[in-house]
Amino acid sequence: TDQQRTSTLKSYGNDFAHSANLDRLADEGVRFTDAHTVSPVCSPSRTSILTGVHVPIHGVYENGVIFHRTGLTPYFHPLKKRGYHTALIGKTHFNPVPRLWIDHLDMHTGNKDKRGPNQPYTEFLETYLVNKTMKWIDSVTAPVGIAAGGGAGNKPWFVHLSMVSPHPPNWVPPGPWAHVYDDITLPPLTWQDGSISGLPYQTRMLLNLLGKEADDPPAFPGGRPNMSYVDQRVRFGTDHPDGRLNYYAQAAYVDHEVGRILDFLELRGLAN
């Protein structure tokens, strides 16, 4: 997933959170409690995941930096050398994409790519990505002659399934996840007088808060949070769905899609 806070996950001690499927991953795998990202910005962090090195080494310091430095090894390379089928489905936001080492590539990086205020569930990005991932896994795991693409039996496989959501704009496709927080009181904001002006200059610049430190309506009129705006009900059909509930409902939708891929792997006997 992308901009997902631990506050959306029950496995991190948030009893109000709706995250049954991501919590399944926590229960069956490893839950990190003292981990730090190499960068709070998308491209630098994703490039580190791709290459396995820190930001000063790959050279992507900000989203505007296009290419990482040459001479680095994307992790797809050793997988292909060891005979893996490889796929990358979803968000990349790193360059160059190591196409030579990826058998199946289906990139969707833009925030408006298959995401929008009137996009139905069946066509929303994360639904699409999970559908495509399941289809690809079937094509490389079924016995030869059974899968539509001619499977490869026991040959190992790896798929990088990368969702854009949760990520602003916080569009939510219609579905039960859109209402799971209707009667939930979200935790209070970690805010105090001077919080906005106390942010680093670069943060205020990125969030378009320069000059708005003392007055940023409608969310922070007079520099203080307007909770009726911050915690407004989930909104549909609007270009800019503000408010925390849209974000949390979007995270619940993502959790639903994670559940679909987990259930699929269990059904196919591939959840190991």
C-alpha atoms as a PDB file:
ATOM      1  CA  THR A   1       0.000   0.000   0.000  1.00  0.00           C
ATOM      2  CA  ASP A   2       1.093   3.637  -0.097  1.00  0.00           C
ATOM      3  CA  GLN A   3       0.393   6.313   2.526  1.00  0.00           C
ATOM      4  CA  GLN A   4      -0.967   3.973   5.181  1.00  0.00           C
ATOM      5  CA  ARG A   5      -0.750   5.007   8.824  1.00  0.00           C
ATOM      6  CA  THR A   6      -0.435   2.440  11.578  1.00  0.00           C
ATOM      7  CA  SER A   7      -3.573   4.028  13.053  1.00  0.00           C
ATOM      8  CA  THR A   8      -5.550   2.210  10.330  1.00  0.00           C
ATOM      9  CA  LEU A   9      -4.364  -1.176  11.664  1.00  0.00           C
ATOM     10  CA  LYS A  10      -5.785  -3.011  14.651  1.00  0.00           C
ATOM     11  CA  SER A  11      -2.598  -5.085  14.879  1.00  0.00           C
ATOM     12  CA  TYR A  12      -0.802  -1.937  16.021  1.00  0.00           C
ATOM     13  CA  GLY A  13      -3.072  -1.481  19.027  1.00  0.00           C
ATOM     14  CA  ASN A  14      -5.879   0.522  17.404  1.00  0.00           C
ATOM     15  CA  ASP A  15      -9.020  -1.335  18.424  1.00  0.00           C
ATOM     16  CA  PHE A  16     -11.279   0.919  16.361  1.00  0.00           C
ATOM     17  CA  ALA A  17      -9.503   0.049  13.094  1.00  0.00           C
ATOM     18  CA  HIS A  18     -11.034  -2.161  10.386  1.00  0.00           C
ATOM     19  CA  SER A  19      -8.045  -4.128   9.120  1.00  0.00           C
ATOM     20  CA  ALA A  20      -8.865  -7.830   9.437  1.00  0.00           C
ATOM     21  CA  ASN A  21      -6.871  -8.868   6.384  1.00  0.00           C
ATOM     22  CA  LEU A  22      -3.758  -6.797   6.915  1.00  0.00           C
ATOM     23  CA  ASP A  23      -3.863  -8.064  10.493  1.00  0.00           C
ATOM     24  CA  ARG A  24      -3.785 -11.585   9.031  1.00  0.00           C
ATOM     25  CA  LEU A  25      -0.424 -10.712   7.504  1.00  0.00           C
ATOM     26  CA  ALA A  26       0.756  -9.441  10.873  1.00  0.00           C
ATOM     27  CA  ASP A  27      -0.418 -12.605  12.637  1.00  0.00           C
ATOM     28  CA  GLU A  28       1.204 -14.925  10.097  1.00  0.00           C
ATOM     29  CA  GLY A  29       4.366 -12.921   9.451  1.00  0.00           C
ATOM     30  CA  VAL A  30       6.514 -10.274  11.105  1.00  0.00           C
ATOM     31  CA  ARG A  31       5.175  -7.056  12.609  1.00  0.00           C
ATOM     32  CA  PHE A  32       7.777  -4.317  12.870  1.00  0.00           C
ATOM     33  CA  THR A  33       7.392  -2.063  15.908  1.00  0.00           C
ATOM     34  CA  ASP A  34      10.600  -0.043  15.686  1.00  0.00           C
ATOM     35  CA  ALA A  35      11.220   0.412  11.965  1.00  0.00           C
ATOM     36  CA  HIS A  36      11.879   3.643  10.096  1.00  0.00           C
ATOM     37  CA  THR A  37      11.519   4.390   6.404  1.00  0.00           C
ATOM     38  CA  VAL A  38      14.640   5.529   4.575  1.00  0.00           C
ATOM     39  CA  SER A  39      12.655   8.557   3.372  1.00  0.00           C
ATOM     40  CA  PRO A  40       9.181  10.005   4.032  1.00  0.00           C
ATOM     41  CA  VAL A  41       8.852  10.719   0.294  1.00  0.00           C
ATOM     42  CA  CYS A  42       7.570   8.222  -2.258  1.00  0.00           C
ATOM     43  CA  SER A  43      10.222   7.924  -4.978  1.00  0.00           C
ATOM     44  CA  PRO A  44      13.264   7.863  -2.676  1.00  0.00           C
ATOM     45  CA  SER A  45      11.675   5.194  -0.487  1.00  0.00           C
ATOM     46  CA  ARG A  46      10.530   3.047  -3.396  1.00  0.00           C
ATOM     47  CA  THR A  47      13.920   3.319  -5.098  1.00  0.00           C
ATOM     48  CA  SER A  48      15.553   2.045  -1.900  1.00  0.00           C
ATOM     49  CA  ILE A  49      13.175  -0.933  -1.898  1.00  0.00           C
ATOM     50  CA  LEU A  50      14.049  -1.610  -5.534  1.00  0.00           C
ATOM     51  CA  THR A  51      17.828  -1.338  -5.160  1.00  0.00           C
ATOM     52  CA  GLY A  52      18.418  -2.196  -1.492  1.00  0.00           C
ATOM     53  CA  VAL A  53      20.528   0.878  -0.789  1.00  0.00           C
ATOM     54  CA  HIS A  54      20.030   4.138   1.129  1.00  0.00           C
ATOM     55  CA  VAL A  55      18.960   7.385  -0.494  1.00  0.00           C
ATOM     56  CA  PRO A  56      22.425   9.049  -0.697  1.00  0.00           C
ATOM     57  CA  ILE A  57      23.685   6.024  -2.630  1.00  0.00           C
ATOM     58  CA  HIS A  58      20.924   5.784  -5.253  1.00  0.00           C
ATOM     59  CA  GLY A  59      20.623   9.579  -5.516  1.00  0.00           C
ATOM     60  CA  VAL A  60      16.830   9.963  -5.655  1.00  0.00           C
ATOM     61  CA  TYR A  61      16.332  12.581  -2.934  1.00  0.00           C
ATOM     62  CA  GLU A  62      12.899  13.819  -3.962  1.00  0.00           C
ATOM     63  CA  ASN A  63       9.986  12.874  -6.209  1.00  0.00           C
ATOM     64  CA  GLY A  64      11.257  15.231  -8.909  1.00  0.00           C
ATOM     65  CA  VAL A  65      14.520  13.308  -9.389  1.00  0.00           C
ATOM     66  CA  ILE A  66      13.886  11.096 -12.407  1.00  0.00           C
ATOM     67  CA  PHE A  67      16.559   8.377 -12.524  1.00  0.00           C
ATOM     68  CA  HIS A  68      18.527   6.584  -9.856  1.00  0.00           C
ATOM     69  CA  ARG A  69      22.281   6.225 -10.287  1.00  0.00           C
ATOM     70  CA  THR A  70      23.680   3.566 -12.571  1.00  0.00           C
ATOM     71  CA  GLY A  71      25.496   0.464 -11.375  1.00  0.00           C
ATOM     72  CA  LEU A  72      22.831  -0.589  -8.857  1.00  0.00           C
ATOM     73  CA  THR A  73      21.144  -3.993  -8.848  1.00  0.00           C
ATOM     74  CA  PRO A  74      17.333  -4.078  -8.774  1.00  0.00           C
ATOM     75  CA  TYR A  75      16.124  -7.061  -6.794  1.00  0.00           C
ATOM     76  CA  PHE A  76      14.333  -8.450  -9.852  1.00  0.00           C
ATOM     77  CA  HIS A  77      17.733  -9.252 -11.369  1.00  0.00           C
ATOM     78  CA  PRO A  78      18.848 -11.976  -8.908  1.00  0.00           C
ATOM     79  CA  LEU A  79      15.333 -13.429  -8.928  1.00  0.00           C
ATOM     80  CA  LYS A  80      15.443 -13.855 -12.712  1.00  0.00           C
ATOM     81  CA  LYS A  81      18.956 -15.316 -12.525  1.00  0.00           C
ATOM     82  CA  ARG A  82      17.589 -17.967 -10.170  1.00  0.00           C
ATOM     83  CA  GLY A  83      14.805 -18.932 -12.531  1.00  0.00           C
ATOM     84  CA  TYR A  84      11.836 -17.022 -11.146  1.00  0.00           C
ATOM     85  CA  HIS A  85       8.835 -15.864 -13.089  1.00  0.00           C
ATOM     86  CA  THR A  86       8.574 -12.154 -12.206  1.00  0.00           C
ATOM     87  CA  ALA A  87       5.800  -9.588 -12.375  1.00  0.00           C
ATOM     88  CA  LEU A  88       5.276  -6.008 -11.286  1.00  0.00           C
ATOM     89  CA  ILE A  89       1.640  -4.970 -11.096  1.00  0.00           C
ATOM     90  CA  GLY A  90       0.638  -1.516  -9.842  1.00  0.00           C
ATOM     91  CA  LYS A  91       2.576   1.494  -8.657  1.00  0.00           C
ATOM     92  CA  THR A  92       6.259   1.925  -9.465  1.00  0.00           C
ATOM     93  CA  HIS A  93       7.301   5.594  -8.992  1.00  0.00           C
ATOM     94  CA  PHE A  94      10.933   4.678  -9.568  1.00  0.00           C
ATOM     95  CA  ASN A  95      13.060   5.026 -12.672  1.00  0.00           C
ATOM     96  CA  PRO A  96      14.323   3.284 -14.606  1.00  0.00           C
ATOM     97  CA  VAL A  97      11.932   0.360 -14.296  1.00  0.00           C
ATOM     98  CA  PRO A  98      14.065  -2.817 -14.740  1.00  0.00           C
ATOM     99  CA  ARG A  99      11.991  -4.127 -17.638  1.00  0.00           C
ATOM    100  CA  LEU A 100      14.657  -6.601 -18.704  1.00  0.00           C
ATOM    101  CA  TRP A 101      14.156  -8.605 -15.515  1.00  0.00           C
ATOM    102  CA  ILE A 102      10.339  -8.403 -15.330  1.00  0.00           C
ATOM    103  CA  ASP A 103       8.306 -10.904 -17.331  1.00  0.00           C
ATOM    104  CA  HIS A 104       4.954  -9.214 -16.811  1.00  0.00           C
ATOM    105  CA  LEU A 105       4.668  -5.455 -16.279  1.00  0.00           C
ATOM    106  CA  ASP A 106       1.382  -3.625 -15.647  1.00  0.00           C
ATOM    107  CA  MET A 107       2.223  -0.159 -14.267  1.00  0.00           C
ATOM    108  CA  HIS A 108      -0.322   2.224 -12.707  1.00  0.00           C
ATOM    109  CA  THR A 109       1.449   5.007 -10.844  1.00  0.00           C
ATOM    110  CA  GLY A 110      -0.696   8.118 -11.341  1.00  0.00           C
ATOM    111  CA  ASN A 111      -3.002   9.099  -8.484  1.00  0.00           C
ATOM    112  CA  LYS A 112      -5.896   9.401 -10.953  1.00  0.00           C
ATOM    113  CA  ASP A 113      -5.148   6.184 -12.813  1.00  0.00           C
ATOM    114  CA  LYS A 114      -8.337   4.117 -12.436  1.00  0.00           C
ATOM    115  CA  ARG A 115      -9.131   6.155  -9.319  1.00  0.00           C
ATOM    116  CA  GLY A 116     -11.766   8.865  -9.254  1.00  0.00           C
ATOM    117  CA  PRO A 117     -14.910  10.222  -7.607  1.00  0.00           C
ATOM    118  CA  ASN A 118     -17.264   8.182  -9.813  1.00  0.00           C
ATOM    119  CA  GLN A 119     -15.180   5.072 -10.425  1.00  0.00           C
ATOM    120  CA  PRO A 120     -17.220   1.936  -9.608  1.00  0.00           C
ATOM    121  CA  TYR A 121     -15.792  -0.774  -7.393  1.00  0.00           C
ATOM    122  CA  THR A 122     -15.374  -3.247 -10.253  1.00  0.00           C
ATOM    123  CA  GLU A 123     -13.159  -0.773 -12.123  1.00  0.00           C
ATOM    124  CA  PHE A 124     -11.367   0.899  -9.203  1.00  0.00           C
ATOM    125  CA  LEU A 125      -7.584   0.564  -9.301  1.00  0.00           C
ATOM    126  CA  GLU A 126      -6.964  -1.797  -6.389  1.00  0.00           C
ATOM    127  CA  THR A 127      -9.768  -4.111  -7.545  1.00  0.00           C
ATOM    128  CA  TYR A 128      -8.173  -4.141 -10.994  1.00  0.00           C
ATOM    129  CA  LEU A 129      -4.687  -4.810  -9.609  1.00  0.00           C
ATOM    130  CA  VAL A 130      -5.836  -7.768  -7.506  1.00  0.00           C
ATOM    131  CA  ASN A 131      -7.762  -9.223 -10.462  1.00  0.00           C
ATOM    132  CA  LYS A 132      -4.715  -8.947 -12.724  1.00  0.00           C
ATOM    133  CA  THR A 133      -2.434 -10.409 -10.061  1.00  0.00           C
ATOM    134  CA  MET A 134      -4.649 -13.452  -9.545  1.00  0.00           C
ATOM    135  CA  LYS A 135      -4.817 -14.016 -13.290  1.00  0.00           C
ATOM    136  CA  TRP A 136      -1.019 -13.805 -13.631  1.00  0.00           C
ATOM    137  CA  ILE A 137      -0.401 -16.161 -10.714  1.00  0.00           C
ATOM    138  CA  ASP A 138      -2.750 -18.701 -12.279  1.00  0.00           C
ATOM    139  CA  SER A 139      -0.871 -18.406 -15.566  1.00  0.00           C
ATOM    140  CA  VAL A 140       2.477 -19.337 -14.005  1.00  0.00           C
ATOM    141  CA  THR A 141       1.438 -21.880 -11.378  1.00  0.00           C
ATOM    142  CA  ALA A 142      -1.055 -24.164 -13.126  1.00  0.00           C
ATOM    143  CA  PRO A 143       0.336 -27.297 -14.821  1.00  0.00           C
ATOM    144  CA  VAL A 144       1.363 -26.886 -18.444  1.00  0.00           C
ATOM    145  CA  GLY A 145      -1.650 -27.113 -20.726  1.00  0.00           C
ATOM    146  CA  ILE A 146      -4.178 -26.091 -18.060  1.00  0.00           C
ATOM    147  CA  ALA A 147      -3.487 -22.378 -17.572  1.00  0.00           C
ATOM    148  CA  ALA A 148      -4.614 -20.048 -20.326  1.00  0.00           C
ATOM    149  CA  GLY A 149      -1.050 -18.883 -20.819  1.00  0.00           C
ATOM    150  CA  GLY A 150       0.518 -22.313 -20.506  1.00  0.00           C
ATOM    151  CA  GLY A 151       1.694 -22.595 -16.902  1.00  0.00           C
ATOM    152  CA  ALA A 152       5.160 -23.545 -15.734  1.00  0.00           C
ATOM    153  CA  GLY A 153       4.397 -26.061 -13.013  1.00  0.00           C
ATOM    154  CA  ASN A 154       6.839 -25.842 -10.131  1.00  0.00           C
ATOM    155  CA  LYS A 155       8.969 -22.973 -11.414  1.00  0.00           C
ATOM    156  CA  PRO A 156       9.246 -20.325  -8.636  1.00  0.00           C
ATOM    157  CA  TRP A 157       7.470 -17.022  -9.069  1.00  0.00           C
ATOM    158  CA  PHE A 158       7.456 -13.551  -7.560  1.00  0.00           C
ATOM    159  CA  VAL A 159       4.959 -10.732  -7.995  1.00  0.00           C
ATOM    160  CA  HIS A 160       5.339  -7.162  -6.747  1.00  0.00           C
ATOM    161  CA  LEU A 161       1.713  -6.086  -6.154  1.00  0.00           C
ATOM    162  CA  SER A 162       1.785  -2.382  -5.368  1.00  0.00           C
ATOM    163  CA  MET A 163      -1.394  -0.456  -4.526  1.00  0.00           C
ATOM    164  CA  VAL A 164      -1.728   3.320  -4.774  1.00  0.00           C
ATOM    165  CA  SER A 165      -4.398   3.606  -2.077  1.00  0.00           C
ATOM    166  CA  PRO A 166      -4.650   4.806   0.572  1.00  0.00           C
ATOM    167  CA  HIS A 167      -3.440   8.029  -1.017  1.00  0.00           C
ATOM    168  CA  PRO A 168      -4.983  11.461  -1.620  1.00  0.00           C
ATOM    169  CA  PRO A 169      -7.341  12.237  -3.190  1.00  0.00           C
ATOM    170  CA  ASN A 170      -9.144   9.925  -0.783  1.00  0.00           C
ATOM    171  CA  TRP A 171     -11.736   8.579  -3.197  1.00  0.00           C
ATOM    172  CA  VAL A 172     -13.683   5.588  -1.920  1.00  0.00           C
ATOM    173  CA  PRO A 173     -15.574   3.239  -4.244  1.00  0.00           C
ATOM    174  CA  PRO A 174     -19.073   2.343  -3.051  1.00  0.00           C
ATOM    175  CA  GLY A 175     -19.148  -0.721  -0.833  1.00  0.00           C
ATOM    176  CA  PRO A 176     -19.459  -1.834   2.787  1.00  0.00           C
ATOM    177  CA  TRP A 177     -15.974  -0.491   3.632  1.00  0.00           C
ATOM    178  CA  ALA A 178     -17.282   3.028   3.027  1.00  0.00           C
ATOM    179  CA  HIS A 179     -19.435   2.873   6.176  1.00  0.00           C
ATOM    180  CA  VAL A 180     -17.411   0.847   8.677  1.00  0.00           C
ATOM    181  CA  TYR A 181     -16.323   4.048  10.436  1.00  0.00           C
ATOM    182  CA  ASP A 182     -19.725   5.751  10.482  1.00  0.00           C
ATOM    183  CA  ASP A 183     -20.202   5.227  14.230  1.00  0.00           C
ATOM    184  CA  ILE A 184     -16.516   5.280  15.191  1.00  0.00           C
ATOM    185  CA  THR A 185     -14.851   8.098  17.115  1.00  0.00           C
ATOM    186  CA  LEU A 186     -11.407   8.535  15.646  1.00  0.00           C
ATOM    187  CA  PRO A 187      -8.465   9.317  17.947  1.00  0.00           C
ATOM    188  CA  PRO A 188      -7.825  12.996  18.687  1.00  0.00           C
ATOM    189  CA  LEU A 189      -5.462  14.960  16.491  1.00  0.00           C
ATOM    190  CA  THR A 190      -1.875  15.229  17.677  1.00  0.00           C
ATOM    191  CA  TRP A 191      -2.134  19.000  17.516  1.00  0.00           C
ATOM    192  CA  GLN A 192      -1.302  21.932  19.758  1.00  0.00           C
ATOM    193  CA  ASP A 193      -1.020  25.693  19.294  1.00  0.00           C
ATOM    194  CA  GLY A 194       1.750  26.442  16.844  1.00  0.00           C
ATOM    195  CA  SER A 195       1.765  22.981  15.291  1.00  0.00           C
ATOM    196  CA  ILE A 196       1.613  24.275  11.711  1.00  0.00           C
ATOM    197  CA  SER A 197       4.231  26.990  12.136  1.00  0.00           C
ATOM    198  CA  GLY A 198       6.464  24.468  13.889  1.00  0.00           C
ATOM    199  CA  LEU A 199       6.632  22.209  10.851  1.00  0.00           C
ATOM    200  CA  PRO A 200       9.885  22.291   8.844  1.00  0.00           C
ATOM    201  CA  TYR A 201       9.914  24.734   5.939  1.00  0.00           C
ATOM    202  CA  GLN A 202      10.097  21.909   3.397  1.00  0.00           C
ATOM    203  CA  THR A 203       7.033  20.210   4.907  1.00  0.00           C
ATOM    204  CA  ARG A 204       5.004  23.404   4.830  1.00  0.00           C
ATOM    205  CA  MET A 205       6.078  23.965   1.239  1.00  0.00           C
ATOM    206  CA  LEU A 206       5.072  20.440   0.156  1.00  0.00           C
ATOM    207  CA  LEU A 207       1.696  20.743   1.928  1.00  0.00           C
ATOM    208  CA  ASN A 208       1.004  24.215   0.518  1.00  0.00           C
ATOM    209  CA  LEU A 209       0.993  25.711   4.019  1.00  0.00           C
ATOM    210  CA  LEU A 210       3.450  28.549   3.510  1.00  0.00           C
ATOM    211  CA  GLY A 211       1.727  31.733   4.625  1.00  0.00           C
ATOM    212  CA  LYS A 212      -1.158  29.743   6.117  1.00  0.00           C
ATOM    213  CA  GLU A 213       0.462  28.908   9.445  1.00  0.00           C
ATOM    214  CA  ALA A 214      -1.997  31.031  11.414  1.00  0.00           C
ATOM    215  CA  ASP A 215      -5.060  30.577   9.221  1.00  0.00           C
ATOM    216  CA  ASP A 216      -5.790  27.663   6.890  1.00  0.00           C
ATOM    217  CA  PRO A 217      -9.566  27.372   6.411  1.00  0.00           C
ATOM    218  CA  PRO A 218     -11.668  25.327   6.288  1.00  0.00           C
ATOM    219  CA  ALA A 219      -9.593  22.700   8.114  1.00  0.00           C
ATOM    220  CA  PHE A 220      -7.609  25.050  10.400  1.00  0.00           C
ATOM    221  CA  PRO A 221      -9.336  28.441  10.538  1.00  0.00           C
ATOM    222  CA  GLY A 222      -7.420  30.761  12.808  1.00  0.00           C
ATOM    223  CA  GLY A 223      -4.763  28.093  13.054  1.00  0.00           C
ATOM    224  CA  ARG A 224      -7.012  25.753  15.063  1.00  0.00           C
ATOM    225  CA  PRO A 225      -8.632  22.518  13.860  1.00  0.00           C
ATOM    226  CA  ASN A 226     -12.245  22.645  12.721  1.00  0.00           C
ATOM    227  CA  MET A 227     -13.281  19.142  13.801  1.00  0.00           C
ATOM    228  CA  SER A 228     -16.689  19.306  12.114  1.00  0.00           C
ATOM    229  CA  TYR A 229     -14.768  19.627   8.854  1.00  0.00           C
ATOM    230  CA  VAL A 230     -11.916  17.259   9.707  1.00  0.00           C
ATOM    231  CA  ASP A 231     -14.324  14.487  10.748  1.00  0.00           C
ATOM    232  CA  GLN A 232     -17.094  15.036   8.199  1.00  0.00           C
ATOM    233  CA  ARG A 233     -18.866  11.917   6.916  1.00  0.00           C
ATOM    234  CA  VAL A 234     -17.564   9.948   3.935  1.00  0.00           C
ATOM    235  CA  ARG A 235     -18.244  11.791   0.696  1.00  0.00           C
ATOM    236  CA  PHE A 236     -18.731  10.360  -2.803  1.00  0.00           C
ATOM    237  CA  GLY A 237     -18.715  11.968  -6.233  1.00  0.00           C
ATOM    238  CA  THR A 238     -16.496  14.904  -5.320  1.00  0.00           C
ATOM    239  CA  ASP A 239     -13.103  15.755  -6.786  1.00  0.00           C
ATOM    240  CA  HIS A 240     -11.584  16.560  -3.401  1.00  0.00           C
ATOM    241  CA  PRO A 241     -13.081  14.398  -0.635  1.00  0.00           C
ATOM    242  CA  ASP A 242     -11.604  15.973   2.479  1.00  0.00           C
ATOM    243  CA  GLY A 243     -11.874  14.702   6.007  1.00  0.00           C
ATOM    244  CA  ARG A 244     -10.318  11.824   7.904  1.00  0.00           C
ATOM    245  CA  LEU A 245     -13.200   9.406   7.404  1.00  0.00           C
ATOM    246  CA  ASN A 246     -12.644   9.267   3.649  1.00  0.00           C
ATOM    247  CA  TYR A 247      -9.046   8.302   4.291  1.00  0.00           C
ATOM    248  CA  TYR A 248      -9.927   5.609   6.831  1.00  0.00           C
ATOM    249  CA  ALA A 249     -12.691   4.235   4.600  1.00  0.00           C
ATOM    250  CA  GLN A 250     -10.225   4.092   1.724  1.00  0.00           C
ATOM    251  CA  ALA A 251      -7.847   2.105   3.947  1.00  0.00           C
ATOM    252  CA  ALA A 252     -10.708  -0.291   4.752  1.00  0.00           C
ATOM    253  CA  TYR A 253     -11.290  -0.768   1.014  1.00  0.00           C
ATOM    254  CA  VAL A 254      -7.596  -1.600   0.584  1.00  0.00           C
ATOM    255  CA  ASP A 255      -7.875  -4.124   3.414  1.00  0.00           C
ATOM    256  CA  HIS A 256     -10.777  -5.772   1.592  1.00  0.00           C
ATOM    257  CA  GLU A 257      -8.645  -6.136  -1.540  1.00  0.00           C
ATOM    258  CA  VAL A 258      -5.740  -7.548   0.457  1.00  0.00           C
ATOM    259  CA  GLY A 259      -8.205 -10.117   1.768  1.00  0.00           C
ATOM    260  CA  ARG A 260      -9.154 -11.098  -1.769  1.00  0.00           C
ATOM    261  CA  ILE A 261      -5.555 -11.904  -2.723  1.00  0.00           C
ATOM    262  CA  LEU A 262      -4.924 -13.747   0.560  1.00  0.00           C
ATOM    263  CA  ASP A 263      -8.060 -15.845   0.103  1.00  0.00           C
ATOM    264  CA  PHE A 264      -7.023 -16.588  -3.474  1.00  0.00           C
ATOM    265  CA  LEU A 265      -3.588 -17.803  -2.397  1.00  0.00           C
ATOM    266  CA  GLU A 266      -5.118 -20.059   0.242  1.00  0.00           C
ATOM    267  CA  LEU A 267      -7.625 -21.453  -2.243  1.00  0.00           C
ATOM    268  CA  ARG A 268      -4.815 -22.261  -4.679  1.00  0.00           C
ATOM    269  CA  GLY A 269      -2.658 -23.811  -1.953  1.00  0.00           C
ATOM    270  CA  LEU A 270      -0.010 -21.127  -2.398  1.00  0.00           C
ATOM    271  CA  ALA A 271      -0.196 -19.407   0.999  1.00  0.00           C
ATOM    272  CA  ASN A 272       3.043 -20.544   2.582  1.00  0.00           C
END
